[in-house]
Amino acid sequence: MKNFLAVYTGTAEASEKSGWNALGEPARNERIQAGMQAWHAWMESHRKQIVVAGGPVGKTKRVSGSGIAGAQNNICGYVVVSAESHEAAARLFENHPHFSIFPGEAVEVMECLPVPVA
């Protein structure tokens, strides 16, 4: 089995396109409740494949040779899963609540590779 980092992404455009921004507060709260129930159900049904439960992420700081600065990206959360292949890992996220209920854009899945030996 291999480990895969899955990164949840979202953009303002995805929120707008999904109709999320046009929802009134009661409709949005209903959708949040339904989304959280579906998300917890997804976590439960995939618990054997989940290596690190992850969660949402906050604001970004970028550290470089120039110092530390505020930064912006489309990452809004993560999880680490175990699967036989990259394709199998990706299939775990088909119709995920992140974008099927919530206004998330996508889930990007990448293999966690071993650190090369010096």
C-alpha atoms as a PDB file:
ATOM      1  CA  MET A   1       0.000   0.000   0.000  1.00  0.00           C
ATOM      2  CA  LYS A   2       1.107   3.542  -0.712  1.00  0.00           C
ATOM      3  CA  ASN A   3       0.180   6.778   1.033  1.00  0.00           C
ATOM      4  CA  PHE A   4      -1.385   9.691  -0.816  1.00  0.00           C
ATOM      5  CA  LEU A   5      -1.856  13.298   0.227  1.00  0.00           C
ATOM      6  CA  ALA A   6      -5.241  14.635  -0.841  1.00  0.00           C
ATOM      7  CA  VAL A   7      -5.538  18.410  -0.850  1.00  0.00           C
ATOM      8  CA  TYR A   8      -8.961  20.051  -0.891  1.00  0.00           C
ATOM      9  CA  THR A   9      -8.989  23.176  -3.059  1.00  0.00           C
ATOM     10  CA  GLY A  10     -11.444  26.018  -3.380  1.00  0.00           C
ATOM     11  CA  THR A  11     -11.701  29.356  -5.113  1.00  0.00           C
ATOM     12  CA  ALA A  12     -14.025  32.331  -5.080  1.00  0.00           C
ATOM     13  CA  GLU A  13     -15.008  31.371  -8.637  1.00  0.00           C
ATOM     14  CA  ALA A  14     -16.017  27.864  -7.507  1.00  0.00           C
ATOM     15  CA  SER A  15     -18.196  29.326  -4.741  1.00  0.00           C
ATOM     16  CA  GLU A  16     -19.865  31.673  -7.197  1.00  0.00           C
ATOM     17  CA  LYS A  17     -20.365  28.972  -9.843  1.00  0.00           C
ATOM     18  CA  SER A  18     -21.902  26.558  -7.303  1.00  0.00           C
ATOM     19  CA  GLY A  19     -24.570  29.094  -6.320  1.00  0.00           C
ATOM     20  CA  TRP A  20     -23.292  29.048  -2.726  1.00  0.00           C
ATOM     21  CA  ASN A  21     -23.000  32.845  -2.600  1.00  0.00           C
ATOM     22  CA  ALA A  22     -26.640  33.264  -3.647  1.00  0.00           C
ATOM     23  CA  LEU A  23     -28.010  31.057  -0.856  1.00  0.00           C
ATOM     24  CA  GLY A  24     -29.865  32.723   1.969  1.00  0.00           C
ATOM     25  CA  GLU A  25     -28.733  32.018   5.523  1.00  0.00           C
ATOM     26  CA  PRO A  26     -31.339  29.281   6.247  1.00  0.00           C
ATOM     27  CA  ALA A  27     -30.563  27.435   2.995  1.00  0.00           C
ATOM     28  CA  ARG A  28     -26.825  27.777   3.553  1.00  0.00           C
ATOM     29  CA  ASN A  29     -27.138  26.431   7.135  1.00  0.00           C
ATOM     30  CA  GLU A  30     -29.153  23.451   5.850  1.00  0.00           C
ATOM     31  CA  ARG A  31     -26.489  22.756   3.241  1.00  0.00           C
ATOM     32  CA  ILE A  32     -23.724  23.036   5.848  1.00  0.00           C
ATOM     33  CA  GLN A  33     -25.524  20.506   8.071  1.00  0.00           C
ATOM     34  CA  ALA A  34     -26.075  18.110   5.155  1.00  0.00           C
ATOM     35  CA  GLY A  35     -22.479  18.593   4.020  1.00  0.00           C
ATOM     36  CA  MET A  36     -21.008  17.886   7.443  1.00  0.00           C
ATOM     37  CA  GLN A  37     -23.139  14.745   7.819  1.00  0.00           C
ATOM     38  CA  ALA A  38     -21.997  13.559   4.383  1.00  0.00           C
ATOM     39  CA  TRP A  39     -18.361  14.416   5.182  1.00  0.00           C
ATOM     40  CA  HIS A  40     -18.459  12.454   8.455  1.00  0.00           C
ATOM     41  CA  ALA A  41     -20.121   9.547   6.625  1.00  0.00           C
ATOM     42  CA  TRP A  42     -17.338   9.664   3.999  1.00  0.00           C
ATOM     43  CA  MET A  43     -14.689   9.636   6.752  1.00  0.00           C
ATOM     44  CA  GLU A  44     -16.395   6.698   8.465  1.00  0.00           C
ATOM     45  CA  SER A  45     -16.804   4.666   5.273  1.00  0.00           C
ATOM     46  CA  HIS A  46     -13.106   5.212   4.403  1.00  0.00           C
ATOM     47  CA  ARG A  47     -11.671   4.926   7.924  1.00  0.00           C
ATOM     48  CA  LYS A  48      -9.537   1.893   6.973  1.00  0.00           C
ATOM     49  CA  GLN A  49      -7.860   3.923   4.205  1.00  0.00           C
ATOM     50  CA  ILE A  50      -7.347   7.110   6.245  1.00  0.00           C
ATOM     51  CA  VAL A  51      -3.783   7.413   7.561  1.00  0.00           C
ATOM     52  CA  VAL A  52      -4.022  11.046   8.763  1.00  0.00           C
ATOM     53  CA  ALA A  53      -7.485  12.565   9.210  1.00  0.00           C
ATOM     54  CA  GLY A  54      -6.163  16.047   8.409  1.00  0.00           C
ATOM     55  CA  GLY A  55      -8.694  18.844   8.411  1.00  0.00           C
ATOM     56  CA  PRO A  56      -9.159  22.429   7.298  1.00  0.00           C
ATOM     57  CA  VAL A  57      -6.202  24.794   7.032  1.00  0.00           C
ATOM     58  CA  GLY A  58      -5.958  28.498   7.788  1.00  0.00           C
ATOM     59  CA  LYS A  59      -4.075  31.438   6.337  1.00  0.00           C
ATOM     60  CA  THR A  60      -0.737  30.895   4.612  1.00  0.00           C
ATOM     61  CA  LYS A  61       2.737  32.264   5.323  1.00  0.00           C
ATOM     62  CA  ARG A  62       5.384  31.903   2.614  1.00  0.00           C
ATOM     63  CA  VAL A  63       8.963  31.410   3.791  1.00  0.00           C
ATOM     64  CA  SER A  64      11.765  31.967   1.283  1.00  0.00           C
ATOM     65  CA  GLY A  65      15.269  33.372   1.060  1.00  0.00           C
ATOM     66  CA  SER A  66      13.627  36.791   1.079  1.00  0.00           C
ATOM     67  CA  GLY A  67      11.985  36.181   4.459  1.00  0.00           C
ATOM     68  CA  ILE A  68       8.434  35.542   5.635  1.00  0.00           C
ATOM     69  CA  ALA A  69       5.401  37.031   3.931  1.00  0.00           C
ATOM     70  CA  GLY A  70       1.680  36.484   3.743  1.00  0.00           C
ATOM     71  CA  ALA A  71       0.615  34.335   0.794  1.00  0.00           C
ATOM     72  CA  GLN A  72      -2.534  33.028  -0.813  1.00  0.00           C
ATOM     73  CA  ASN A  73      -3.295  29.672  -2.416  1.00  0.00           C
ATOM     74  CA  ASN A  74      -6.348  27.509  -3.119  1.00  0.00           C
ATOM     75  CA  ILE A  75      -5.669  24.908  -0.415  1.00  0.00           C
ATOM     76  CA  CYS A  76      -8.427  24.676   2.193  1.00  0.00           C
ATOM     77  CA  GLY A  77      -7.791  21.276   3.780  1.00  0.00           C
ATOM     78  CA  TYR A  78      -6.066  17.905   3.546  1.00  0.00           C
ATOM     79  CA  VAL A  79      -6.209  14.199   4.390  1.00  0.00           C
ATOM     80  CA  VAL A  80      -3.719  11.346   3.905  1.00  0.00           C
ATOM     81  CA  VAL A  81      -5.087   8.043   2.603  1.00  0.00           C
ATOM     82  CA  SER A  82      -3.631   4.629   1.850  1.00  0.00           C
ATOM     83  CA  ALA A  83      -4.376   2.848  -1.421  1.00  0.00           C
ATOM     84  CA  GLU A  84      -2.936   0.258  -3.820  1.00  0.00           C
ATOM     85  CA  SER A  85      -2.450   2.821  -6.601  1.00  0.00           C
ATOM     86  CA  HIS A  86      -2.734   6.486  -7.491  1.00  0.00           C
ATOM     87  CA  GLU A  87      -5.909   5.715  -9.456  1.00  0.00           C
ATOM     88  CA  ALA A  88      -7.440   3.855  -6.490  1.00  0.00           C
ATOM     89  CA  ALA A  89      -6.618   6.765  -4.184  1.00  0.00           C
ATOM     90  CA  ALA A  90      -8.185   9.259  -6.574  1.00  0.00           C
ATOM     91  CA  ARG A  91     -11.340   7.149  -6.875  1.00  0.00           C
ATOM     92  CA  LEU A  92     -11.892   7.470  -3.112  1.00  0.00           C
ATOM     93  CA  PHE A  93     -12.787  11.132  -3.716  1.00  0.00           C
ATOM     94  CA  GLU A  94     -15.278  10.743  -6.557  1.00  0.00           C
ATOM     95  CA  ASN A  95     -18.425  12.730  -5.654  1.00  0.00           C
ATOM     96  CA  HIS A  96     -16.840  13.846  -2.371  1.00  0.00           C
ATOM     97  CA  PRO A  97     -18.964  16.284  -0.283  1.00  0.00           C
ATOM     98  CA  HIS A  98     -16.195  18.914  -0.666  1.00  0.00           C
ATOM     99  CA  PHE A  99     -17.489  19.675  -4.150  1.00  0.00           C
ATOM    100  CA  SER A 100     -20.769  17.740  -4.399  1.00  0.00           C
ATOM    101  CA  ILE A 101     -22.418  19.605  -1.487  1.00  0.00           C
ATOM    102  CA  PHE A 102     -19.981  22.320  -0.434  1.00  0.00           C
ATOM    103  CA  PRO A 103     -18.670  24.867  -2.956  1.00  0.00           C
ATOM    104  CA  GLY A 104     -15.183  23.334  -3.050  1.00  0.00           C
ATOM    105  CA  GLU A 105     -13.411  23.228  -6.381  1.00  0.00           C
ATOM    106  CA  ALA A 106     -11.612  19.861  -6.373  1.00  0.00           C
ATOM    107  CA  VAL A 107      -9.497  17.331  -4.485  1.00  0.00           C
ATOM    108  CA  GLU A 108      -5.919  16.962  -5.722  1.00  0.00           C
ATOM    109  CA  VAL A 109      -4.343  13.592  -4.920  1.00  0.00           C
ATOM    110  CA  MET A 110      -0.583  12.973  -4.953  1.00  0.00           C
ATOM    111  CA  GLU A 111       1.601  10.093  -3.823  1.00  0.00           C
ATOM    112  CA  CYS A 112       3.735  10.574  -0.711  1.00  0.00           C
ATOM    113  CA  LEU A 113       7.163   9.498  -1.916  1.00  0.00           C
ATOM    114  CA  PRO A 114      10.027   8.301   0.268  1.00  0.00           C
ATOM    115  CA  VAL A 115      12.808  10.755   1.089  1.00  0.00           C
ATOM    116  CA  PRO A 116      15.851   9.921  -1.095  1.00  0.00           C
ATOM    117  CA  VAL A 117      18.824   8.444   0.739  1.00  0.00           C
ATOM    118  CA  ALA A 118      21.915  10.646   0.622  1.00  0.00           C
END
